[in-house]
Amino acid sequence: MSKLQNPVLMGTIGAAQGLRGEVRVKSYTLDPVSLGDYGNLHSEDGRVFEVLEIREQKEMAIVRFRGVNDRTAAEALRGLDLYIERDKLPDEELDDDEFFYADLEGLEAVDATGRSHGTVSGIFDFGAGDLLELKGPGKRPVLIPFSETAVIEIDLENGRLLIDPVAAGLEGGDEEGPGSRKRRPPREGE
């Protein structure tokens, strides 16, 4: 099996479920059971997994794959990431202002003056909203909020994001605020 040309991470296999070879899968799809709607899933080492049965259980998918028939075989898959080819994702169902996160990776983040702030190398959600990781040559990676104020425009055709560097936290404004590195002078009595 050859490697996927443009892989999109769809899920990660967790623990074995029961004795018949089923596994728990953390699905990165909106509906966990839709993981089975995209055809065969692939691992980075070239293995192909055909979904035979799938059901939802507590925001996870319980999956039985062809050829995985017992608990021992299921346990051997733990931690394996599952991918599909990007062209399997249904673009025609997206609205004009919708896109897949996988399409953001590799986009160049530029401000209104045309200055580059790096390219998107990852999308994360640590619980307080989505963050874009930007990496530039010779720069440390930075995280910016993926919000309408920080990311003004997404131009997939030209491979660019228009960002507001102040709202993204890349440049400081004149006033102090939360997270400001400026020290305020002590108040009387402190």
N, C-alpha and C. Protein backbone atom coordinates (compact mmCIF):
# COMPACT_ATOMS: atom_id res chain seq x y z
N MET A 1 0.85 -1.18 0.00
CA MET A 1 0.00 0.00 0.00
C MET A 1 0.89 1.23 0.00
N SER A 2 0.62 2.15 -0.90
CA SER A 2 1.40 3.38 -0.94
C SER A 2 0.85 4.38 0.07
N LYS A 3 1.66 5.35 0.41
CA LYS A 3 1.27 6.36 1.38
C LYS A 3 0.21 7.27 0.75
N LEU A 4 -0.64 7.84 1.61
CA LEU A 4 -1.64 8.80 1.14
C LEU A 4 -0.94 10.08 0.72
N GLN A 5 -1.43 10.71 -0.34
CA GLN A 5 -0.83 11.94 -0.84
C GLN A 5 -1.16 13.14 0.04
N ASN A 6 -2.41 13.23 0.49
CA ASN A 6 -2.86 14.36 1.30
C ASN A 6 -3.72 13.81 2.44
N PRO A 7 -3.07 13.19 3.46
CA PRO A 7 -3.84 12.53 4.52
C PRO A 7 -4.51 13.50 5.46
N VAL A 8 -5.70 13.11 5.93
CA VAL A 8 -6.45 13.87 6.93
C VAL A 8 -6.71 12.92 8.09
N LEU A 9 -6.29 13.33 9.28
CA LEU A 9 -6.49 12.52 10.48
C LEU A 9 -7.97 12.47 10.82
N MET A 10 -8.52 11.27 10.93
CA MET A 10 -9.94 11.10 11.21
C MET A 10 -10.21 10.52 12.59
N GLY A 11 -9.25 9.81 13.17
CA GLY A 11 -9.48 9.21 14.47
C GLY A 11 -8.23 8.55 15.01
N THR A 12 -8.28 8.22 16.29
CA THR A 12 -7.19 7.52 16.95
C THR A 12 -7.78 6.33 17.71
N ILE A 13 -7.21 5.17 17.50
CA ILE A 13 -7.69 3.96 18.16
C ILE A 13 -7.25 3.97 19.62
N GLY A 14 -8.22 3.65 20.49
CA GLY A 14 -7.95 3.56 21.92
C GLY A 14 -7.94 2.11 22.36
N ALA A 15 -8.55 1.86 23.49
CA ALA A 15 -8.55 0.53 24.10
C ALA A 15 -9.44 -0.45 23.34
N ALA A 16 -9.19 -1.72 23.57
CA ALA A 16 -10.05 -2.78 23.05
C ALA A 16 -11.39 -2.72 23.79
N GLN A 17 -12.44 -3.14 23.11
CA GLN A 17 -13.80 -3.15 23.68
C GLN A 17 -14.33 -4.57 23.56
N GLY A 18 -14.43 -5.26 24.65
CA GLY A 18 -14.97 -6.62 24.61
C GLY A 18 -13.96 -7.63 24.10
N LEU A 19 -14.50 -8.80 23.69
CA LEU A 19 -13.65 -9.92 23.30
C LEU A 19 -13.65 -10.20 21.80
N ARG A 20 -14.54 -9.56 21.04
CA ARG A 20 -14.72 -9.88 19.61
C ARG A 20 -13.84 -9.05 18.67
N GLY A 21 -12.90 -8.25 19.20
CA GLY A 21 -12.01 -7.49 18.32
C GLY A 21 -12.44 -6.05 18.11
N GLU A 22 -13.46 -5.60 18.82
CA GLU A 22 -13.87 -4.21 18.67
C GLU A 22 -12.88 -3.29 19.39
N VAL A 23 -12.78 -2.04 18.90
CA VAL A 23 -11.91 -1.05 19.52
C VAL A 23 -12.68 0.25 19.72
N ARG A 24 -12.26 1.01 20.71
CA ARG A 24 -12.78 2.36 20.90
C ARG A 24 -11.95 3.28 20.02
N VAL A 25 -12.63 4.19 19.34
CA VAL A 25 -11.92 5.13 18.48
C VAL A 25 -12.36 6.54 18.83
N LYS A 26 -11.39 7.40 19.11
CA LYS A 26 -11.68 8.82 19.29
C LYS A 26 -11.78 9.39 17.89
N SER A 27 -13.00 9.72 17.52
CA SER A 27 -13.27 10.22 16.17
C SER A 27 -13.16 11.73 16.15
N TYR A 28 -12.52 12.27 15.12
CA TYR A 28 -12.39 13.72 14.97
C TYR A 28 -13.44 14.28 14.01
N THR A 29 -14.50 13.51 13.81
CA THR A 29 -15.63 13.96 13.01
C THR A 29 -16.69 14.52 13.95
N LEU A 30 -17.58 15.34 13.42
CA LEU A 30 -18.63 15.93 14.24
C LEU A 30 -19.50 14.85 14.86
N ASP A 31 -19.89 13.86 14.08
CA ASP A 31 -20.66 12.72 14.56
C ASP A 31 -19.72 11.51 14.56
N PRO A 32 -19.42 10.93 15.72
CA PRO A 32 -18.45 9.84 15.79
C PRO A 32 -18.72 8.68 14.84
N VAL A 33 -19.99 8.33 14.63
CA VAL A 33 -20.26 7.17 13.76
C VAL A 33 -20.09 7.50 12.28
N SER A 34 -19.97 8.77 11.93
CA SER A 34 -19.74 9.11 10.52
C SER A 34 -18.32 8.74 10.08
N LEU A 35 -17.49 8.31 11.01
CA LEU A 35 -16.15 7.85 10.69
C LEU A 35 -16.20 6.75 9.63
N GLY A 36 -17.27 5.98 9.64
CA GLY A 36 -17.41 4.89 8.67
C GLY A 36 -17.95 5.33 7.31
N ASP A 37 -18.25 6.62 7.15
CA ASP A 37 -18.85 7.11 5.90
C ASP A 37 -17.83 7.45 4.81
N TYR A 38 -16.54 7.39 5.11
CA TYR A 38 -15.52 7.87 4.17
C TYR A 38 -14.75 6.76 3.49
N GLY A 39 -15.21 5.53 3.64
CA GLY A 39 -14.51 4.42 3.02
C GLY A 39 -13.44 3.86 3.95
N ASN A 40 -12.48 3.19 3.38
CA ASN A 40 -11.42 2.56 4.17
C ASN A 40 -10.57 3.62 4.87
N LEU A 41 -10.10 3.26 6.05
CA LEU A 41 -9.21 4.12 6.82
C LEU A 41 -7.80 3.58 6.68
N HIS A 42 -6.81 4.45 6.77
CA HIS A 42 -5.42 4.06 6.55
C HIS A 42 -4.56 4.46 7.75
N SER A 43 -3.54 3.66 8.02
CA SER A 43 -2.56 4.02 9.05
C SER A 43 -1.32 4.56 8.34
N GLU A 44 -0.45 5.22 9.11
CA GLU A 44 0.76 5.79 8.52
C GLU A 44 1.69 4.72 7.97
N ASP A 45 1.63 3.51 8.51
CA ASP A 45 2.50 2.44 8.03
C ASP A 45 1.94 1.72 6.80
N GLY A 46 0.82 2.21 6.27
CA GLY A 46 0.29 1.68 5.02
C GLY A 46 -0.82 0.65 5.16
N ARG A 47 -1.18 0.27 6.39
CA ARG A 47 -2.27 -0.70 6.56
C ARG A 47 -3.61 -0.03 6.24
N VAL A 48 -4.53 -0.84 5.74
CA VAL A 48 -5.87 -0.37 5.37
C VAL A 48 -6.88 -1.06 6.29
N PHE A 49 -7.83 -0.27 6.80
CA PHE A 49 -8.83 -0.79 7.73
C PHE A 49 -10.22 -0.57 7.16
N GLU A 50 -10.94 -1.67 6.97
CA GLU A 50 -12.32 -1.61 6.49
C GLU A 50 -13.25 -1.72 7.70
N VAL A 51 -14.14 -0.73 7.83
CA VAL A 51 -15.10 -0.71 8.93
C VAL A 51 -16.23 -1.68 8.62
N LEU A 52 -16.43 -2.68 9.52
CA LEU A 52 -17.54 -3.61 9.35
C LEU A 52 -18.76 -3.17 10.15
N GLU A 53 -18.53 -2.72 11.37
CA GLU A 53 -19.61 -2.25 12.24
C GLU A 53 -19.11 -1.03 13.00
N ILE A 54 -20.04 -0.11 13.26
CA ILE A 54 -19.68 1.07 14.04
C ILE A 54 -20.90 1.53 14.82
N ARG A 55 -20.67 1.93 16.08
CA ARG A 55 -21.74 2.49 16.89
C ARG A 55 -21.14 3.52 17.83
N GLU A 56 -21.97 4.40 18.34
CA GLU A 56 -21.51 5.45 19.24
C GLU A 56 -21.68 5.02 20.68
N GLN A 57 -20.72 5.41 21.51
CA GLN A 57 -20.81 5.18 22.95
C GLN A 57 -20.05 6.31 23.64
N LYS A 58 -20.80 7.19 24.31
CA LYS A 58 -20.21 8.29 25.08
C LYS A 58 -19.19 9.08 24.26
N GLU A 59 -19.61 9.65 23.16
CA GLU A 59 -18.78 10.50 22.30
C GLU A 59 -17.58 9.78 21.69
N MET A 60 -17.58 8.47 21.68
CA MET A 60 -16.54 7.67 21.04
C MET A 60 -17.25 6.76 20.04
N ALA A 61 -16.48 6.24 19.12
CA ALA A 61 -17.02 5.25 18.21
C ALA A 61 -16.47 3.88 18.62
N ILE A 62 -17.34 2.90 18.66
CA ILE A 62 -16.92 1.52 18.87
C ILE A 62 -16.93 0.88 17.49
N VAL A 63 -15.76 0.40 17.06
CA VAL A 63 -15.59 -0.05 15.68
C VAL A 63 -15.09 -1.48 15.64
N ARG A 64 -15.64 -2.23 14.69
CA ARG A 64 -15.10 -3.56 14.38
C ARG A 64 -14.56 -3.50 12.97
N PHE A 65 -13.27 -3.79 12.81
CA PHE A 65 -12.61 -3.77 11.51
C PHE A 65 -12.49 -5.19 10.96
N ARG A 66 -12.51 -5.30 9.64
CA ARG A 66 -12.29 -6.60 8.98
C ARG A 66 -10.90 -7.11 9.36
N GLY A 67 -10.83 -8.37 9.77
CA GLY A 67 -9.56 -9.01 10.09
C GLY A 67 -9.11 -8.84 11.53
N VAL A 68 -9.82 -8.04 12.30
CA VAL A 68 -9.51 -7.88 13.73
C VAL A 68 -10.61 -8.63 14.47
N ASN A 69 -10.30 -9.88 14.85
CA ASN A 69 -11.34 -10.79 15.33
C ASN A 69 -11.29 -11.14 16.81
N ASP A 70 -10.26 -10.68 17.53
CA ASP A 70 -10.20 -10.99 18.96
C ASP A 70 -9.57 -9.84 19.73
N ARG A 71 -9.64 -9.93 21.02
CA ARG A 71 -9.16 -8.85 21.89
C ARG A 71 -7.66 -8.61 21.71
N THR A 72 -6.89 -9.67 21.53
CA THR A 72 -5.44 -9.52 21.37
C THR A 72 -5.11 -8.68 20.14
N ALA A 73 -5.78 -8.96 19.02
CA ALA A 73 -5.55 -8.18 17.80
C ALA A 73 -6.01 -6.74 17.98
N ALA A 74 -7.11 -6.55 18.70
CA ALA A 74 -7.61 -5.20 18.96
C ALA A 74 -6.65 -4.41 19.84
N GLU A 75 -6.11 -5.04 20.87
CA GLU A 75 -5.17 -4.36 21.77
C GLU A 75 -3.90 -3.94 21.05
N ALA A 76 -3.50 -4.68 20.02
CA ALA A 76 -2.29 -4.35 19.26
C ALA A 76 -2.45 -3.06 18.45
N LEU A 77 -3.68 -2.60 18.25
CA LEU A 77 -3.93 -1.39 17.45
C LEU A 77 -3.96 -0.12 18.29
N ARG A 78 -3.90 -0.25 19.60
CA ARG A 78 -4.03 0.91 20.49
C ARG A 78 -3.02 2.01 20.13
N GLY A 79 -3.53 3.25 20.03
CA GLY A 79 -2.69 4.41 19.74
C GLY A 79 -2.49 4.68 18.26
N LEU A 80 -3.04 3.84 17.40
CA LEU A 80 -2.86 3.99 15.95
C LEU A 80 -3.75 5.11 15.43
N ASP A 81 -3.18 6.04 14.67
CA ASP A 81 -3.94 7.10 14.02
C ASP A 81 -4.50 6.60 12.70
N LEU A 82 -5.74 7.01 12.40
CA LEU A 82 -6.42 6.59 11.18
C LEU A 82 -6.67 7.79 10.27
N TYR A 83 -6.37 7.63 8.99
CA TYR A 83 -6.44 8.72 8.02
C TYR A 83 -7.29 8.34 6.82
N ILE A 84 -7.75 9.37 6.11
CA ILE A 84 -8.32 9.19 4.78
C ILE A 84 -7.63 10.17 3.85
N GLU A 85 -7.80 9.98 2.57
CA GLU A 85 -7.28 10.93 1.58
C GLU A 85 -8.18 12.16 1.58
N ARG A 86 -7.60 13.34 1.47
CA ARG A 86 -8.35 14.61 1.54
C ARG A 86 -9.50 14.65 0.54
N ASP A 87 -9.33 14.10 -0.64
CA ASP A 87 -10.39 14.18 -1.66
C ASP A 87 -11.64 13.36 -1.31
N LYS A 88 -11.59 12.57 -0.24
CA LYS A 88 -12.77 11.83 0.23
C LYS A 88 -13.73 12.71 1.04
N LEU A 89 -13.26 13.89 1.48
CA LEU A 89 -14.12 14.80 2.24
C LEU A 89 -15.06 15.53 1.28
N PRO A 90 -16.34 15.66 1.64
CA PRO A 90 -17.37 16.19 0.73
C PRO A 90 -17.38 17.73 0.66
N ASP A 91 -16.59 18.32 -0.23
CA ASP A 91 -16.53 19.78 -0.38
C ASP A 91 -17.86 20.40 -0.79
N GLU A 92 -18.65 19.69 -1.58
CA GLU A 92 -19.90 20.25 -2.11
C GLU A 92 -20.92 20.54 -1.02
N GLU A 93 -20.77 19.94 0.16
CA GLU A 93 -21.72 20.18 1.25
C GLU A 93 -21.36 21.41 2.09
N LEU A 94 -20.20 22.02 1.84
CA LEU A 94 -19.76 23.17 2.62
C LEU A 94 -20.36 24.46 2.11
N ASP A 95 -20.71 25.37 3.03
CA ASP A 95 -21.12 26.71 2.66
C ASP A 95 -19.89 27.52 2.30
N ASP A 96 -20.11 28.73 1.76
CA ASP A 96 -18.98 29.56 1.35
C ASP A 96 -18.05 29.91 2.50
N ASP A 97 -18.59 30.05 3.71
CA ASP A 97 -17.76 30.43 4.85
C ASP A 97 -17.35 29.22 5.69
N GLU A 98 -17.47 28.02 5.15
CA GLU A 98 -17.07 26.80 5.86
C GLU A 98 -15.89 26.16 5.14
N PHE A 99 -15.10 25.43 5.91
CA PHE A 99 -13.92 24.77 5.38
C PHE A 99 -13.51 23.68 6.35
N PHE A 100 -12.63 22.82 5.93
CA PHE A 100 -12.08 21.78 6.80
C PHE A 100 -10.80 22.30 7.43
N TYR A 101 -10.58 21.99 8.70
CA TYR A 101 -9.35 22.42 9.36
C TYR A 101 -8.12 21.93 8.61
N ALA A 102 -8.20 20.77 8.01
CA ALA A 102 -7.07 20.23 7.26
C ALA A 102 -6.66 21.16 6.13
N ASP A 103 -7.61 21.95 5.61
CA ASP A 103 -7.30 22.88 4.52
C ASP A 103 -6.55 24.11 5.01
N LEU A 104 -6.58 24.38 6.31
CA LEU A 104 -5.88 25.55 6.85
C LEU A 104 -4.38 25.30 7.00
N GLU A 105 -4.00 24.06 7.24
CA GLU A 105 -2.58 23.77 7.42
C GLU A 105 -1.81 24.09 6.16
N GLY A 106 -0.72 24.83 6.33
CA GLY A 106 0.11 25.24 5.21
C GLY A 106 -0.22 26.63 4.67
N LEU A 107 -1.34 27.23 5.12
CA LEU A 107 -1.67 28.58 4.67
C LEU A 107 -0.72 29.58 5.31
N GLU A 108 -0.34 30.61 4.55
CA GLU A 108 0.52 31.66 5.07
C GLU A 108 -0.33 32.72 5.76
N ALA A 109 0.06 33.11 6.96
CA ALA A 109 -0.64 34.15 7.72
C ALA A 109 0.03 35.49 7.44
N VAL A 110 -0.70 36.41 6.82
CA VAL A 110 -0.17 37.73 6.49
C VAL A 110 -1.06 38.81 7.09
N ASP A 111 -0.48 39.98 7.36
CA ASP A 111 -1.28 41.09 7.86
C ASP A 111 -1.64 42.01 6.69
N ALA A 112 -2.32 43.12 6.97
CA ALA A 112 -2.80 44.03 5.92
C ALA A 112 -1.66 44.66 5.12
N THR A 113 -0.46 44.73 5.70
CA THR A 113 0.68 45.30 4.98
C THR A 113 1.37 44.26 4.10
N GLY A 114 0.95 43.00 4.19
CA GLY A 114 1.55 41.93 3.40
C GLY A 114 2.69 41.22 4.12
N ARG A 115 2.98 41.61 5.37
CA ARG A 115 4.06 40.98 6.13
C ARG A 115 3.63 39.59 6.59
N SER A 116 4.49 38.62 6.37
CA SER A 116 4.20 37.25 6.75
C SER A 116 4.50 37.03 8.23
N HIS A 117 3.61 36.29 8.90
CA HIS A 117 3.80 35.93 10.29
C HIS A 117 4.00 34.42 10.45
N GLY A 118 4.23 33.72 9.34
CA GLY A 118 4.46 32.28 9.38
C GLY A 118 3.34 31.54 8.67
N THR A 119 3.43 30.23 8.69
CA THR A 119 2.40 29.39 8.08
C THR A 119 1.72 28.56 9.16
N VAL A 120 0.48 28.19 8.90
CA VAL A 120 -0.28 27.40 9.85
C VAL A 120 0.28 25.98 9.85
N SER A 121 0.73 25.54 11.02
CA SER A 121 1.30 24.20 11.13
C SER A 121 0.45 23.27 11.98
N GLY A 122 -0.61 23.81 12.61
CA GLY A 122 -1.49 22.97 13.41
C GLY A 122 -2.67 23.76 13.94
N ILE A 123 -3.72 23.04 14.30
CA ILE A 123 -4.92 23.63 14.90
C ILE A 123 -5.16 22.88 16.20
N PHE A 124 -5.34 23.63 17.29
CA PHE A 124 -5.50 23.01 18.60
C PHE A 124 -6.71 23.59 19.30
N ASP A 125 -7.29 22.79 20.21
CA ASP A 125 -8.36 23.27 21.08
C ASP A 125 -8.08 22.70 22.46
N PHE A 126 -7.66 23.58 23.36
CA PHE A 126 -7.35 23.17 24.73
C PHE A 126 -8.51 23.47 25.66
N GLY A 127 -9.68 23.78 25.11
CA GLY A 127 -10.87 23.99 25.91
C GLY A 127 -11.40 25.40 25.90
N ALA A 128 -10.60 26.37 25.51
CA ALA A 128 -11.05 27.77 25.52
C ALA A 128 -11.25 28.32 24.12
N GLY A 129 -11.31 27.47 23.14
CA GLY A 129 -11.48 27.91 21.75
C GLY A 129 -10.32 27.44 20.90
N ASP A 130 -10.53 27.46 19.60
CA ASP A 130 -9.52 26.97 18.67
C ASP A 130 -8.35 27.94 18.58
N LEU A 131 -7.16 27.35 18.42
CA LEU A 131 -5.93 28.12 18.26
C LEU A 131 -5.22 27.63 17.01
N LEU A 132 -4.61 28.56 16.28
CA LEU A 132 -3.79 28.22 15.13
C LEU A 132 -2.33 28.34 15.53
N GLU A 133 -1.54 27.34 15.19
CA GLU A 133 -0.10 27.41 15.43
C GLU A 133 0.56 27.93 14.16
N LEU A 134 1.34 29.00 14.30
CA LEU A 134 2.07 29.58 13.18
C LEU A 134 3.56 29.32 13.37
N LYS A 135 4.21 28.86 12.31
CA LYS A 135 5.66 28.67 12.33
C LYS A 135 6.25 29.47 11.18
N GLY A 136 7.30 30.21 11.50
CA GLY A 136 8.02 30.96 10.49
C GLY A 136 9.48 30.54 10.49
N PRO A 137 10.20 30.80 9.39
CA PRO A 137 11.61 30.41 9.35
C PRO A 137 12.41 31.15 10.43
N GLY A 138 13.13 30.39 11.23
CA GLY A 138 13.96 30.96 12.27
C GLY A 138 13.18 31.50 13.46
N LYS A 139 11.88 31.24 13.52
CA LYS A 139 11.06 31.73 14.62
C LYS A 139 10.50 30.55 15.40
N ARG A 140 10.24 30.81 16.68
CA ARG A 140 9.56 29.80 17.49
C ARG A 140 8.09 29.78 17.11
N PRO A 141 7.44 28.62 17.18
CA PRO A 141 6.00 28.57 16.89
C PRO A 141 5.21 29.43 17.87
N VAL A 142 4.16 30.07 17.37
CA VAL A 142 3.27 30.86 18.22
C VAL A 142 1.84 30.40 17.99
N LEU A 143 1.01 30.57 19.00
CA LEU A 143 -0.41 30.24 18.90
C LEU A 143 -1.20 31.53 18.85
N ILE A 144 -2.15 31.59 17.91
CA ILE A 144 -3.04 32.75 17.83
C ILE A 144 -4.48 32.24 17.91
N PRO A 145 -5.38 33.07 18.43
CA PRO A 145 -6.78 32.63 18.50
C PRO A 145 -7.37 32.53 17.09
N PHE A 146 -8.16 31.51 16.88
CA PHE A 146 -8.87 31.36 15.62
C PHE A 146 -10.25 31.99 15.80
N SER A 147 -10.27 33.31 15.73
CA SER A 147 -11.50 34.08 15.94
C SER A 147 -11.67 35.06 14.78
N GLU A 148 -12.86 35.63 14.67
CA GLU A 148 -13.12 36.59 13.59
C GLU A 148 -12.31 37.87 13.74
N THR A 149 -11.93 38.23 14.96
CA THR A 149 -11.13 39.43 15.13
C THR A 149 -9.66 39.19 14.81
N ALA A 150 -9.13 38.02 15.08
CA ALA A 150 -7.73 37.72 14.81
C ALA A 150 -7.52 37.26 13.36
N VAL A 151 -8.43 36.43 12.86
CA VAL A 151 -8.34 35.93 11.47
C VAL A 151 -9.45 36.61 10.68
N ILE A 152 -9.08 37.59 9.91
CA ILE A 152 -10.05 38.43 9.21
C ILE A 152 -10.61 37.74 7.97
N GLU A 153 -9.74 37.07 7.24
CA GLU A 153 -10.17 36.46 5.97
C GLU A 153 -9.37 35.18 5.72
N ILE A 154 -10.06 34.19 5.17
CA ILE A 154 -9.42 32.93 4.79
C ILE A 154 -9.52 32.82 3.28
N ASP A 155 -8.36 32.78 2.61
CA ASP A 155 -8.30 32.72 1.15
C ASP A 155 -7.63 31.40 0.76
N LEU A 156 -8.45 30.35 0.64
CA LEU A 156 -7.91 29.03 0.33
C LEU A 156 -7.29 28.99 -1.06
N GLU A 157 -7.88 29.70 -2.01
CA GLU A 157 -7.38 29.67 -3.39
C GLU A 157 -5.96 30.19 -3.49
N ASN A 158 -5.63 31.24 -2.73
CA ASN A 158 -4.29 31.82 -2.77
C ASN A 158 -3.40 31.34 -1.64
N GLY A 159 -3.93 30.46 -0.78
CA GLY A 159 -3.13 29.88 0.28
C GLY A 159 -2.73 30.86 1.37
N ARG A 160 -3.66 31.78 1.73
CA ARG A 160 -3.33 32.82 2.70
C ARG A 160 -4.45 33.04 3.71
N LEU A 161 -4.05 33.48 4.90
CA LEU A 161 -4.95 33.99 5.92
C LEU A 161 -4.61 35.45 6.13
N LEU A 162 -5.60 36.32 6.15
CA LEU A 162 -5.38 37.71 6.50
C LEU A 162 -5.65 37.82 7.99
N ILE A 163 -4.65 38.25 8.75
CA ILE A 163 -4.79 38.33 10.20
C ILE A 163 -4.59 39.76 10.69
N ASP A 164 -5.12 40.04 11.86
CA ASP A 164 -4.87 41.29 12.56
C ASP A 164 -3.83 40.94 13.63
N PRO A 165 -2.57 41.38 13.47
CA PRO A 165 -1.53 40.97 14.41
C PRO A 165 -1.77 41.44 15.84
N VAL A 166 -2.47 42.56 16.04
CA VAL A 166 -2.76 43.03 17.40
C VAL A 166 -3.80 42.11 18.04
N ALA A 167 -4.90 41.85 17.34
CA ALA A 167 -5.95 40.97 17.87
C ALA A 167 -5.43 39.54 18.05
N ALA A 168 -4.45 39.15 17.23
CA ALA A 168 -3.88 37.80 17.33
C ALA A 168 -2.85 37.71 18.45
N GLY A 169 -2.48 38.84 19.05
CA GLY A 169 -1.50 38.83 20.13
C GLY A 169 -0.06 38.79 19.66
N LEU A 170 0.16 39.05 18.37
CA LEU A 170 1.51 39.02 17.83
C LEU A 170 2.22 40.36 17.99
N GLU A 171 1.45 41.42 18.08
CA GLU A 171 1.98 42.76 18.28
C GLU A 171 1.18 43.41 19.39
N GLY A 172 1.83 44.22 20.19
CA GLY A 172 1.14 44.87 21.29
C GLY A 172 0.49 46.17 20.86
N GLY A 173 -0.62 46.46 21.49
CA GLY A 173 -1.26 47.76 21.29
C GLY A 173 -0.63 48.75 22.26
N ASP A 174 -1.12 49.98 22.29
CA ASP A 174 -0.58 51.00 23.16
C ASP A 174 -1.07 50.86 24.60
N GLU A 175 -2.26 50.31 24.78
CA GLU A 175 -2.79 50.25 26.14
C GLU A 175 -2.42 48.95 26.83
N GLU A 176 -2.40 49.00 28.15
CA GLU A 176 -2.14 47.80 28.92
C GLU A 176 -3.43 47.00 29.03
N GLY A 177 -3.29 45.72 29.20
CA GLY A 177 -4.46 44.87 29.36
C GLY A 177 -4.03 43.54 29.95
N PRO A 178 -4.97 42.61 30.07
CA PRO A 178 -4.61 41.29 30.59
C PRO A 178 -3.51 40.66 29.74
N GLY A 179 -2.53 40.14 30.39
CA GLY A 179 -1.43 39.50 29.67
C GLY A 179 -0.35 40.47 29.23
N SER A 180 -0.53 41.76 29.49
CA SER A 180 0.46 42.76 29.11
C SER A 180 1.73 42.53 29.91
N ARG A 181 2.86 42.73 29.29
CA ARG A 181 4.13 42.55 29.99
C ARG A 181 4.57 43.84 30.68
N LYS A 182 3.84 44.93 30.46
CA LYS A 182 4.18 46.18 31.11
C LYS A 182 3.84 46.08 32.58
N ARG A 183 4.68 46.64 33.41
CA ARG A 183 4.42 46.65 34.85
C ARG A 183 3.76 47.97 35.20
N ARG A 184 2.74 47.90 35.99
CA ARG A 184 2.10 49.13 36.43
C ARG A 184 2.85 49.63 37.66
N PRO A 185 2.88 50.92 37.82
CA PRO A 185 3.55 51.46 39.01
C PRO A 185 2.71 51.09 40.24
N PRO A 186 3.37 50.92 41.39
CA PRO A 186 2.61 50.56 42.59
C PRO A 186 1.71 51.70 43.01
N ARG A 187 0.53 51.35 43.49
CA ARG A 187 -0.41 52.34 44.00
C ARG A 187 0.01 52.74 45.40
N GLU A 188 -0.49 53.89 45.81
CA GLU A 188 -0.17 54.34 47.17
C GLU A 188 -0.69 53.32 48.16
N GLY A 189 0.10 53.04 49.15
CA GLY A 189 -0.29 52.10 50.19
C GLY A 189 0.08 50.65 49.86
N GLU A 190 0.64 50.37 48.69
CA GLU A 190 1.02 49.00 48.35
C GLU A 190 2.47 48.77 48.69
